[in-house]
């Protein structure tokens, strides 16, 4: 993952409502949640939810698919894992190793 992509994802999920959506979808697992379920759990208008979902989709964090009359949202777990890996890739790499005298 490159800096620009990580920054875009973080900007998109940095909104409190979008972060709530991401957390709901992470908890839902691979099956995802129907848009109606997300709307009910967050208690927000459909148009507001559509706006936030569009931002998350544009960042590649979630995907939508239609199953008959139901529109499902699911996490793009590989993208989320890539973000975490990017953020932690150089963990403690500049930490000075200190040895206590005997």
PDB file of N, CA and C in Angstrom:
ATOM      1  N   UNK A   1       0.848  -1.171   0.000  1.00  0.00           N
ATOM      2  CA  UNK A   1       0.000   0.000   0.000  1.00  0.00           C
ATOM      3  C   UNK A   1       0.894   1.235   0.000  1.00  0.00           C
ATOM      4  N   UNK A   2       0.484   2.234  -0.737  1.00  0.00           N
ATOM      5  CA  UNK A   2       1.238   3.479  -0.812  1.00  0.00           C
ATOM      6  C   UNK A   2       0.633   4.514   0.130  1.00  0.00           C
ATOM      7  N   UNK A   3       1.430   5.516   0.434  1.00  0.00           N
ATOM      8  CA  UNK A   3       1.032   6.575   1.348  1.00  0.00           C
ATOM      9  C   UNK A   3      -0.296   7.218   0.946  1.00  0.00           C
ATOM     10  N   UNK A   4      -0.450   7.538  -0.330  1.00  0.00           N
ATOM     11  CA  UNK A   4      -1.656   8.217  -0.799  1.00  0.00           C
ATOM     12  C   UNK A   4      -2.907   7.357  -0.591  1.00  0.00           C
ATOM     13  N   UNK A   5      -2.788   6.060  -0.860  1.00  0.00           N
ATOM     14  CA  UNK A   5      -3.932   5.171  -0.676  1.00  0.00           C
ATOM     15  C   UNK A   5      -4.280   5.058   0.811  1.00  0.00           C
ATOM     16  N   UNK A   6      -3.275   4.910   1.656  1.00  0.00           N
ATOM     17  CA  UNK A   6      -3.514   4.826   3.102  1.00  0.00           C
ATOM     18  C   UNK A   6      -4.170   6.110   3.609  1.00  0.00           C
ATOM     19  N   UNK A   7      -3.678   7.246   3.150  1.00  0.00           N
ATOM     20  CA  UNK A   7      -4.243   8.531   3.573  1.00  0.00           C
ATOM     21  C   UNK A   7      -5.697   8.663   3.125  1.00  0.00           C
ATOM     22  N   UNK A   8      -6.003   8.221   1.916  1.00  0.00           N
ATOM     23  CA  UNK A   8      -7.370   8.283   1.412  1.00  0.00           C
ATOM     24  C   UNK A   8      -8.303   7.407   2.251  1.00  0.00           C
ATOM     25  N   UNK A   9      -7.870   6.194   2.547  1.00  0.00           N
ATOM     26  CA  UNK A   9      -8.695   5.299   3.348  1.00  0.00           C
ATOM     27  C   UNK A   9      -8.925   5.883   4.739  1.00  0.00           C
ATOM     28  N   UNK A  10      -7.857   6.362   5.356  1.00  0.00           N
ATOM     29  CA  UNK A  10      -7.993   6.940   6.691  1.00  0.00           C
ATOM     30  C   UNK A  10      -8.909   8.161   6.686  1.00  0.00           C
ATOM     31  N   UNK A  11      -8.823   8.978   5.640  1.00  0.00           N
ATOM     32  CA  UNK A  11      -9.706  10.141   5.532  1.00  0.00           C
ATOM     33  C   UNK A  11     -11.163   9.708   5.404  1.00  0.00           C
ATOM     34  N   UNK A  12     -11.399   8.659   4.632  1.00  0.00           N
ATOM     35  CA  UNK A  12     -12.773   8.194   4.412  1.00  0.00           C
ATOM     36  C   UNK A  12     -13.366   7.565   5.667  1.00  0.00           C
ATOM     37  N   UNK A  13     -12.577   6.782   6.407  1.00  0.00           N
ATOM     38  CA  UNK A  13     -13.130   6.149   7.607  1.00  0.00           C
ATOM     39  C   UNK A  13     -13.021   7.049   8.836  1.00  0.00           C
ATOM     40  N   UNK A  14     -12.414   8.221   8.671  1.00  0.00           N
ATOM     41  CA  UNK A  14     -12.240   9.149   9.784  1.00  0.00           C
ATOM     42  C   UNK A  14     -13.512   9.831  10.239  1.00  0.00           C
ATOM     43  N   UNK A  15     -14.572   9.717   9.477  1.00  0.00           N
ATOM     44  CA  UNK A  15     -15.857  10.267   9.871  1.00  0.00           C
ATOM     45  C   UNK A  15     -16.506   9.324  10.885  1.00  0.00           C
ATOM     46  N   UNK A  16     -17.067   9.839  11.981  1.00  0.00           N
ATOM     47  CA  UNK A  16     -17.647   8.958  13.004  1.00  0.00           C
ATOM     48  C   UNK A  16     -18.716   7.994  12.477  1.00  0.00           C
ATOM     49  N   UNK A  17     -19.586   8.458  11.601  1.00  0.00           N
ATOM     50  CA  UNK A  17     -20.628   7.575  11.061  1.00  0.00           C
ATOM     51  C   UNK A  17     -20.013   6.491  10.198  1.00  0.00           C
ATOM     52  N   UNK A  18     -19.032   6.851   9.387  1.00  0.00           N
ATOM     53  CA  UNK A  18     -18.381   5.851   8.536  1.00  0.00           C
ATOM     54  C   UNK A  18     -17.621   4.831   9.366  1.00  0.00           C
ATOM     55  N   UNK A  19     -17.008   5.283  10.425  1.00  0.00           N
ATOM     56  CA  UNK A  19     -16.301   4.356  11.297  1.00  0.00           C
ATOM     57  C   UNK A  19     -17.295   3.394  11.963  1.00  0.00           C
ATOM     58  N   UNK A  20     -18.457   3.886  12.314  1.00  0.00           N
ATOM     59  CA  UNK A  20     -19.507   3.010  12.867  1.00  0.00           C
ATOM     60  C   UNK A  20     -19.914   1.956  11.841  1.00  0.00           C
ATOM     61  N   UNK A  21     -20.053   2.362  10.591  1.00  0.00           N
ATOM     62  CA  UNK A  21     -20.413   1.414   9.523  1.00  0.00           C
ATOM     63  C   UNK A  21     -19.333   0.356   9.384  1.00  0.00           C
ATOM     64  N   UNK A  22     -18.077   0.775   9.356  1.00  0.00           N
ATOM     65  CA  UNK A  22     -16.963  -0.165   9.230  1.00  0.00           C
ATOM     66  C   UNK A  22     -16.988  -1.155  10.391  1.00  0.00           C
ATOM     67  N   UNK A  23     -17.177  -0.665  11.599  1.00  0.00           N
ATOM     68  CA  UNK A  23     -17.192  -1.553  12.768  1.00  0.00           C
ATOM     69  C   UNK A  23     -18.362  -2.527  12.719  1.00  0.00           C
ATOM     70  N   UNK A  24     -19.523  -2.059  12.272  1.00  0.00           N
ATOM     71  CA  UNK A  24     -20.670  -2.965  12.117  1.00  0.00           C
ATOM     72  C   UNK A  24     -20.353  -4.070  11.121  1.00  0.00           C
ATOM     73  N   UNK A  25     -19.745  -3.690  10.009  1.00  0.00           N
ATOM     74  CA  UNK A  25     -19.443  -4.674   8.966  1.00  0.00           C
ATOM     75  C   UNK A  25     -18.336  -5.634   9.391  1.00  0.00           C
ATOM     76  N   UNK A  26     -17.380  -5.152  10.155  1.00  0.00           N
ATOM     77  CA  UNK A  26     -16.335  -6.047  10.665  1.00  0.00           C
ATOM     78  C   UNK A  26     -16.975  -7.082  11.591  1.00  0.00           C
ATOM     79  N   UNK A  27     -17.865  -6.631  12.460  1.00  0.00           N
ATOM     80  CA  UNK A  27     -18.542  -7.563  13.374  1.00  0.00           C
ATOM     81  C   UNK A  27     -19.428  -8.542  12.621  1.00  0.00           C
ATOM     82  N   UNK A  28     -19.992  -8.114  11.507  1.00  0.00           N
ATOM     83  CA  UNK A  28     -20.905  -8.969  10.740  1.00  0.00           C
ATOM     84  C   UNK A  28     -20.174 -10.108  10.036  1.00  0.00           C
ATOM     85  N   UNK A  29     -18.882  -9.936   9.792  1.00  0.00           N
ATOM     86  CA  UNK A  29     -18.117 -10.988   9.137  1.00  0.00           C
ATOM     87  C   UNK A  29     -18.344 -11.025   7.633  1.00  0.00           C
ATOM     88  N   UNK A  30     -18.013 -12.167   7.052  1.00  0.00           N
ATOM     89  CA  UNK A  30     -18.055 -12.339   5.596  1.00  0.00           C
ATOM     90  C   UNK A  30     -19.466 -12.199   5.008  1.00  0.00           C
ATOM     91  N   UNK A  31     -20.488 -12.457   5.802  1.00  0.00           N
ATOM     92  CA  UNK A  31     -21.867 -12.361   5.304  1.00  0.00           C
ATOM     93  C   UNK A  31     -22.302 -10.916   5.083  1.00  0.00           C
ATOM     94  N   UNK A  32     -21.668  -9.989   5.778  1.00  0.00           N
ATOM     95  CA  UNK A  32     -22.024  -8.589   5.634  1.00  0.00           C
ATOM     96  C   UNK A  32     -23.381  -8.273   6.240  1.00  0.00           C
ATOM     97  N   UNK A  33     -23.879  -7.103   5.906  1.00  0.00           N
ATOM     98  CA  UNK A  33     -25.181  -6.655   6.386  1.00  0.00           C
ATOM     99  C   UNK A  33     -25.944  -5.998   5.252  1.00  0.00           C
ATOM    100  N   UNK A  34     -27.238  -6.148   5.296  1.00  0.00           N
ATOM    101  CA  UNK A  34     -28.102  -5.444   4.350  1.00  0.00           C
ATOM    102  C   UNK A  34     -28.092  -3.958   4.701  1.00  0.00           C
ATOM    103  N   UNK A  35     -28.216  -3.129   3.693  1.00  0.00           N
ATOM    104  CA  UNK A  35     -28.241  -1.683   3.908  1.00  0.00           C
ATOM    105  C   UNK A  35     -29.328  -1.316   4.915  1.00  0.00           C
ATOM    106  N   UNK A  36     -30.472  -1.958   4.815  1.00  0.00           N
ATOM    107  CA  UNK A  36     -31.569  -1.687   5.750  1.00  0.00           C
ATOM    108  C   UNK A  36     -31.202  -2.003   7.189  1.00  0.00           C
ATOM    109  N   UNK A  37     -30.426  -3.053   7.398  1.00  0.00           N
ATOM    110  CA  UNK A  37     -29.980  -3.402   8.749  1.00  0.00           C
ATOM    111  C   UNK A  37     -29.022  -2.346   9.296  1.00  0.00           C
ATOM    112  N   UNK A  38     -28.124  -1.892   8.437  1.00  0.00           N
ATOM    113  CA  UNK A  38     -27.177  -0.847   8.854  1.00  0.00           C
ATOM    114  C   UNK A  38     -27.947   0.415   9.226  1.00  0.00           C
ATOM    115  N   UNK A  39     -28.894   0.777   8.378  1.00  0.00           N
ATOM    116  CA  UNK A  39     -29.692   1.987   8.633  1.00  0.00           C
ATOM    117  C   UNK A  39     -30.443   1.869   9.953  1.00  0.00           C
ATOM    118  N   UNK A  40     -31.016   0.723  10.207  1.00  0.00           N
ATOM    119  CA  UNK A  40     -31.770   0.515  11.449  1.00  0.00           C
ATOM    120  C   UNK A  40     -30.857   0.598  12.664  1.00  0.00           C
ATOM    121  N   UNK A  41     -29.682  -0.040  12.586  1.00  0.00           N
ATOM    122  CA  UNK A  41     -28.769  -0.034  13.730  1.00  0.00           C
ATOM    123  C   UNK A  41     -28.193   1.340  14.019  1.00  0.00           C
ATOM    124  N   UNK A  42     -27.965   2.125  12.964  1.00  0.00           N
ATOM    125  CA  UNK A  42     -27.404   3.464  13.158  1.00  0.00           C
ATOM    126  C   UNK A  42     -28.473   4.533  13.347  1.00  0.00           C
ATOM    127  N   UNK A  43     -29.703   4.195  12.992  1.00  0.00           N
ATOM    128  CA  UNK A  43     -30.827   5.128  13.108  1.00  0.00           C
ATOM    129  C   UNK A  43     -30.539   6.448  12.384  1.00  0.00           C
ATOM    130  N   UNK A  44     -30.207   6.308  11.078  1.00  0.00           N
ATOM    131  CA  UNK A  44     -29.946   7.480  10.244  1.00  0.00           C
ATOM    132  C   UNK A  44     -30.798   7.387   8.980  1.00  0.00           C
ATOM    133  N   UNK A  45     -31.075   8.515   8.340  1.00  0.00           N
ATOM    134  CA  UNK A  45     -31.855   8.491   7.096  1.00  0.00           C
ATOM    135  C   UNK A  45     -31.132   7.715   5.995  1.00  0.00           C
ATOM    136  N   UNK A  46     -31.904   7.117   5.116  1.00  0.00           N
ATOM    137  CA  UNK A  46     -31.350   6.346   4.011  1.00  0.00           C
ATOM    138  C   UNK A  46     -30.415   7.156   3.132  1.00  0.00           C
ATOM    139  N   UNK A  47     -30.780   8.413   2.871  1.00  0.00           N
ATOM    140  CA  UNK A  47     -29.930   9.245   2.008  1.00  0.00           C
ATOM    141  C   UNK A  47     -28.583   9.526   2.667  1.00  0.00           C
ATOM    142  N   UNK A  48     -28.576   9.685   3.970  1.00  0.00           N
ATOM    143  CA  UNK A  48     -27.327   9.910   4.702  1.00  0.00           C
ATOM    144  C   UNK A  48     -26.461   8.655   4.641  1.00  0.00           C
ATOM    145  N   UNK A  49     -27.079   7.500   4.841  1.00  0.00           N
ATOM    146  CA  UNK A  49     -26.340   6.246   4.779  1.00  0.00           C
ATOM    147  C   UNK A  49     -25.751   6.027   3.390  1.00  0.00           C
ATOM    148  N   UNK A  50     -26.532   6.308   2.354  1.00  0.00           N
ATOM    149  CA  UNK A  50     -26.056   6.164   0.981  1.00  0.00           C
ATOM    150  C   UNK A  50     -24.821   7.023   0.744  1.00  0.00           C
ATOM    151  N   UNK A  51     -24.841   8.236   1.251  1.00  0.00           N
ATOM    152  CA  UNK A  51     -23.700   9.160   1.133  1.00  0.00           C
ATOM    153  C   UNK A  51     -22.448   8.555   1.773  1.00  0.00           C
ATOM    154  N   UNK A  52     -22.584   8.036   2.988  1.00  0.00           N
ATOM    155  CA  UNK A  52     -21.431   7.482   3.696  1.00  0.00           C
ATOM    156  C   UNK A  52     -20.938   6.192   3.047  1.00  0.00           C
ATOM    157  N   UNK A  53     -21.850   5.361   2.600  1.00  0.00           N
ATOM    158  CA  UNK A  53     -21.456   4.121   1.915  1.00  0.00           C
ATOM    159  C   UNK A  53     -20.686   4.438   0.636  1.00  0.00           C
ATOM    160  N   UNK A  54     -21.101   5.462  -0.079  1.00  0.00           N
ATOM    161  CA  UNK A  54     -20.402   5.855  -1.313  1.00  0.00           C
ATOM    162  C   UNK A  54     -18.948   6.218  -1.024  1.00  0.00           C
ATOM    163  N   UNK A  55     -18.709   6.920   0.072  1.00  0.00           N
ATOM    164  CA  UNK A  55     -17.334   7.270   0.447  1.00  0.00           C
ATOM    165  C   UNK A  55     -16.511   6.023   0.759  1.00  0.00           C
ATOM    166  N   UNK A  56     -17.103   5.097   1.494  1.00  0.00           N
ATOM    167  CA  UNK A  56     -16.378   3.875   1.852  1.00  0.00           C
ATOM    168  C   UNK A  56     -16.113   3.007   0.629  1.00  0.00           C
ATOM    169  N   UNK A  57     -17.069   2.959  -0.280  1.00  0.00           N
ATOM    170  CA  UNK A  57     -16.865   2.207  -1.524  1.00  0.00           C
ATOM    171  C   UNK A  57     -15.771   2.843  -2.366  1.00  0.00           C
ATOM    172  N   UNK A  58     -15.750   4.165  -2.445  1.00  0.00           N
ATOM    173  CA  UNK A  58     -14.748   4.841  -3.276  1.00  0.00           C
ATOM    174  C   UNK A  58     -13.333   4.623  -2.743  1.00  0.00           C
ATOM    175  N   UNK A  59     -13.210   4.378  -1.455  1.00  0.00           N
ATOM    176  CA  UNK A  59     -11.900   4.090  -0.866  1.00  0.00           C
ATOM    177  C   UNK A  59     -11.550   2.614  -0.974  1.00  0.00           C
ATOM    178  N   UNK A  60     -12.505   1.802  -1.431  1.00  0.00           N
ATOM    179  CA  UNK A  60     -12.262   0.377  -1.580  1.00  0.00           C
ATOM    180  C   UNK A  60     -12.360  -0.410  -0.289  1.00  0.00           C
ATOM    181  N   UNK A  61     -12.921   0.203   0.746  1.00  0.00           N
ATOM    182  CA  UNK A  61     -13.005  -0.424   2.060  1.00  0.00           C
ATOM    183  C   UNK A  61     -14.168  -1.408   2.155  1.00  0.00           C
ATOM    184  N   UNK A  62     -15.254  -1.100   1.451  1.00  0.00           N
ATOM    185  CA  UNK A  62     -16.405  -2.004   1.447  1.00  0.00           C
ATOM    186  C   UNK A  62     -16.843  -2.251   0.005  1.00  0.00           C
ATOM    187  N   UNK A  63     -17.655  -3.281  -0.156  1.00  0.00           N
ATOM    188  CA  UNK A  63     -18.265  -3.548  -1.455  1.00  0.00           C
ATOM    189  C   UNK A  63     -19.749  -3.806  -1.235  1.00  0.00           C
ATOM    190  N   UNK A  64     -20.494  -3.614  -2.288  1.00  0.00           N
ATOM    191  CA  UNK A  64     -21.928  -3.882  -2.251  1.00  0.00           C
ATOM    192  C   UNK A  64     -22.273  -4.890  -3.329  1.00  0.00           C
ATOM    193  N   UNK A  65     -23.231  -5.730  -3.006  1.00  0.00           N
ATOM    194  CA  UNK A  65     -23.749  -6.656  -4.003  1.00  0.00           C
ATOM    195  C   UNK A  65     -25.224  -6.863  -3.738  1.00  0.00           C
ATOM    196  N   UNK A  66     -25.928  -7.079  -4.814  1.00  0.00           N
ATOM    197  CA  UNK A  66     -27.367  -7.278  -4.693  1.00  0.00           C
ATOM    198  C   UNK A  66     -27.657  -8.769  -4.677  1.00  0.00           C
ATOM    199  N   UNK A  67     -28.457  -9.172  -3.708  1.00  0.00           N
ATOM    200  CA  UNK A  67     -28.969 -10.542  -3.642  1.00  0.00           C
ATOM    201  C   UNK A  67     -30.478 -10.434  -3.654  1.00  0.00           C
ATOM    202  N   UNK A  68     -31.022 -10.682  -4.823  1.00  0.00           N
ATOM    203  CA  UNK A  68     -32.456 -10.501  -5.074  1.00  0.00           C
ATOM    204  C   UNK A  68     -32.832  -9.058  -4.751  1.00  0.00           C
ATOM    205  N   UNK A  69     -33.692  -8.823  -3.781  1.00  0.00           N
ATOM    206  CA  UNK A  69     -34.135  -7.458  -3.481  1.00  0.00           C
ATOM    207  C   UNK A  69     -33.281  -6.795  -2.402  1.00  0.00           C
ATOM    208  N   UNK A  70     -32.262  -7.502  -1.913  1.00  0.00           N
ATOM    209  CA  UNK A  70     -31.461  -7.001  -0.802  1.00  0.00           C
ATOM    210  C   UNK A  70     -30.105  -6.508  -1.294  1.00  0.00           C
ATOM    211  N   UNK A  71     -29.721  -5.329  -0.837  1.00  0.00           N
ATOM    212  CA  UNK A  71     -28.416  -4.772  -1.146  1.00  0.00           C
ATOM    213  C   UNK A  71     -27.514  -4.996   0.067  1.00  0.00           C
ATOM    214  N   UNK A  72     -26.497  -5.845  -0.105  1.00  0.00           N
ATOM    215  CA  UNK A  72     -25.599  -6.202   0.994  1.00  0.00           C
ATOM    216  C   UNK A  72     -24.304  -5.411   0.930  1.00  0.00           C
ATOM    217  N   UNK A  73     -23.812  -5.049   2.098  1.00  0.00           N
ATOM    218  CA  UNK A  73     -22.509  -4.418   2.223  1.00  0.00           C
ATOM    219  C   UNK A  73     -21.596  -5.376   2.967  1.00  0.00           C
ATOM    220  N   UNK A  74     -20.376  -5.528   2.471  1.00  0.00           N
ATOM    221  CA  UNK A  74     -19.386  -6.368   3.137  1.00  0.00           C
ATOM    222  C   UNK A  74     -18.046  -5.644   3.167  1.00  0.00           C
ATOM    223  N   UNK A  75     -17.277  -5.980   4.181  1.00  0.00           N
ATOM    224  CA  UNK A  75     -15.937  -5.403   4.311  1.00  0.00           C
ATOM    225  C   UNK A  75     -15.017  -5.998   3.262  1.00  0.00           C
ATOM    226  N   UNK A  76     -14.109  -5.198   2.799  1.00  0.00           N
ATOM    227  CA  UNK A  76     -13.012  -5.677   1.962  1.00  0.00           C
ATOM    228  C   UNK A  76     -11.857  -5.931   2.926  1.00  0.00           C
ATOM    229  N   UNK A  77     -11.881  -7.101   3.550  1.00  0.00           N
ATOM    230  CA  UNK A  77     -10.886  -7.413   4.570  1.00  0.00           C
ATOM    231  C   UNK A  77      -9.441  -7.304   4.084  1.00  0.00           C
ATOM    232  N   UNK A  78      -9.125  -7.703   2.860  1.00  0.00           N
ATOM    233  CA  UNK A  78      -7.731  -7.538   2.410  1.00  0.00           C
ATOM    234  C   UNK A  78      -7.279  -6.074   2.417  1.00  0.00           C
ATOM    235  N   UNK A  79      -8.171  -5.153   2.074  1.00  0.00           N
ATOM    236  CA  UNK A  79      -7.818  -3.726   2.085  1.00  0.00           C
ATOM    237  C   UNK A  79      -7.583  -3.269   3.518  1.00  0.00           C
ATOM    238  N   UNK A  80      -8.448  -3.682   4.414  1.00  0.00           N
ATOM    239  CA  UNK A  80      -8.301  -3.330   5.821  1.00  0.00           C
ATOM    240  C   UNK A  80      -6.993  -3.897   6.389  1.00  0.00           C
ATOM    241  N   UNK A  81      -6.684  -5.141   6.039  1.00  0.00           N
ATOM    242  CA  UNK A  81      -5.442  -5.761   6.516  1.00  0.00           C
ATOM    243  C   UNK A  81      -4.219  -5.065   5.923  1.00  0.00           C
ATOM    244  N   UNK A  82      -4.300  -4.690   4.646  1.00  0.00           N
ATOM    245  CA  UNK A  82      -3.192  -3.954   4.027  1.00  0.00           C
ATOM    246  C   UNK A  82      -2.940  -2.629   4.745  1.00  0.00           C
ATOM    247  N   UNK A  83      -4.017  -1.962   5.147  1.00  0.00           N
ATOM    248  CA  UNK A  83      -3.887  -0.699   5.870  1.00  0.00           C
ATOM    249  C   UNK A  83      -3.195  -0.923   7.214  1.00  0.00           C
ATOM    250  N   UNK A  84      -3.651  -1.913   7.945  1.00  0.00           N
ATOM    251  CA  UNK A  84      -3.030  -2.219   9.236  1.00  0.00           C
ATOM    252  C   UNK A  84      -1.560  -2.583   9.041  1.00  0.00           C
ATOM    253  N   UNK A  85      -1.276  -3.399   8.041  1.00  0.00           N
ATOM    254  CA  UNK A  85       0.109  -3.783   7.760  1.00  0.00           C
ATOM    255  C   UNK A  85       0.959  -2.558   7.413  1.00  0.00           C
ATOM    256  N   UNK A  86       0.400  -1.659   6.612  1.00  0.00           N
ATOM    257  CA  UNK A  86       1.125  -0.443   6.237  1.00  0.00           C
ATOM    258  C   UNK A  86       1.446   0.397   7.475  1.00  0.00           C
ATOM    259  N   UNK A  87       0.466   0.527   8.357  1.00  0.00           N
ATOM    260  CA  UNK A  87       0.651   1.358   9.546  1.00  0.00           C
ATOM    261  C   UNK A  87       1.631   0.756  10.540  1.00  0.00           C
ATOM    262  N   UNK A  88       1.751  -0.553  10.541  1.00  0.00           N
ATOM    263  CA  UNK A  88       2.600  -1.208  11.533  1.00  0.00           C
ATOM    264  C   UNK A  88       3.887  -1.802  10.954  1.00  0.00           C
ATOM    265  N   UNK A  89       4.117  -1.625   9.667  1.00  0.00           N
ATOM    266  CA  UNK A  89       5.248  -2.262   8.995  1.00  0.00           C
ATOM    267  C   UNK A  89       6.592  -1.919   9.612  1.00  0.00           C
ATOM    268  N   UNK A  90       6.751  -0.724  10.070  1.00  0.00           N
ATOM    269  CA  UNK A  90       8.052  -0.317  10.600  1.00  0.00           C
ATOM    270  C   UNK A  90       7.985  -0.073  12.103  1.00  0.00           C
ATOM    271  N   UNK A  91       7.094  -0.810  12.748  1.00  0.00           N
ATOM    272  CA  UNK A  91       6.916  -0.655  14.193  1.00  0.00           C
ATOM    273  C   UNK A  91       8.243  -0.795  14.924  1.00  0.00           C
ATOM    274  N   UNK A  92       8.551   0.214  15.676  1.00  0.00           N
ATOM    275  CA  UNK A  92       9.724   0.225  16.559  1.00  0.00           C
ATOM    276  C   UNK A  92      11.050   0.153  15.812  1.00  0.00           C
ATOM    277  N   UNK A  93      11.067   0.421  14.516  1.00  0.00           N
ATOM    278  CA  UNK A  93      12.303   0.299  13.739  1.00  0.00           C
ATOM    279  C   UNK A  93      13.345   1.347  14.112  1.00  0.00           C
ATOM    280  N   UNK A  94      12.907   2.423  14.707  1.00  0.00           N
ATOM    281  CA  UNK A  94      13.872   3.464  15.097  1.00  0.00           C
ATOM    282  C   UNK A  94      14.091   3.504  16.599  1.00  0.00           C
ATOM    283  N   UNK A  95      13.581   2.518  17.266  1.00  0.00           N
ATOM    284  CA  UNK A  95      13.761   2.458  18.708  1.00  0.00           C
ATOM    285  C   UNK A  95      15.205   2.084  19.028  1.00  0.00           C
ATOM    286  N   UNK A  96      15.786   2.800  19.921  1.00  0.00           N
ATOM    287  CA  UNK A  96      17.165   2.546  20.319  1.00  0.00           C
ATOM    288  C   UNK A  96      17.179   1.357  21.273  1.00  0.00           C
ATOM    289  N   UNK A  97      18.039   0.423  20.974  1.00  0.00           N
ATOM    290  CA  UNK A  97      18.175  -0.742  21.848  1.00  0.00           C
ATOM    291  C   UNK A  97      19.087  -0.355  22.990  1.00  0.00           C
ATOM    292  N   UNK A  98      18.569  -0.497  24.181  1.00  0.00           N
ATOM    293  CA  UNK A  98      19.347  -0.128  25.366  1.00  0.00           C
ATOM    294  C   UNK A  98      19.669  -1.386  26.152  1.00  0.00           C
ATOM    295  N   UNK A  99      20.891  -1.449  26.603  1.00  0.00           N
ATOM    296  CA  UNK A  99      21.325  -2.573  27.423  1.00  0.00           C
ATOM    297  C   UNK A  99      21.578  -2.050  28.826  1.00  0.00           C
ATOM    298  N   UNK A 100      20.985  -2.708  29.788  1.00  0.00           N
ATOM    299  CA  UNK A 100      21.246  -2.336  31.191  1.00  0.00           C
ATOM    300  C   UNK A 100      22.600  -2.885  31.607  1.00  0.00           C
ATOM    301  N   UNK A 101      23.369  -2.077  32.306  1.00  0.00           N
ATOM    302  CA  UNK A 101      24.670  -2.581  32.787  1.00  0.00           C
ATOM    303  C   UNK A 101      24.428  -3.692  33.821  1.00  0.00           C
ATOM    304  N   UNK A 102      25.307  -4.649  33.804  1.00  0.00           N
ATOM    305  CA  UNK A 102      25.185  -5.773  34.749  1.00  0.00           C
ATOM    306  C   UNK A 102      25.460  -5.385  36.153  1.00  0.00           C
TER     307      UNK A 102
END
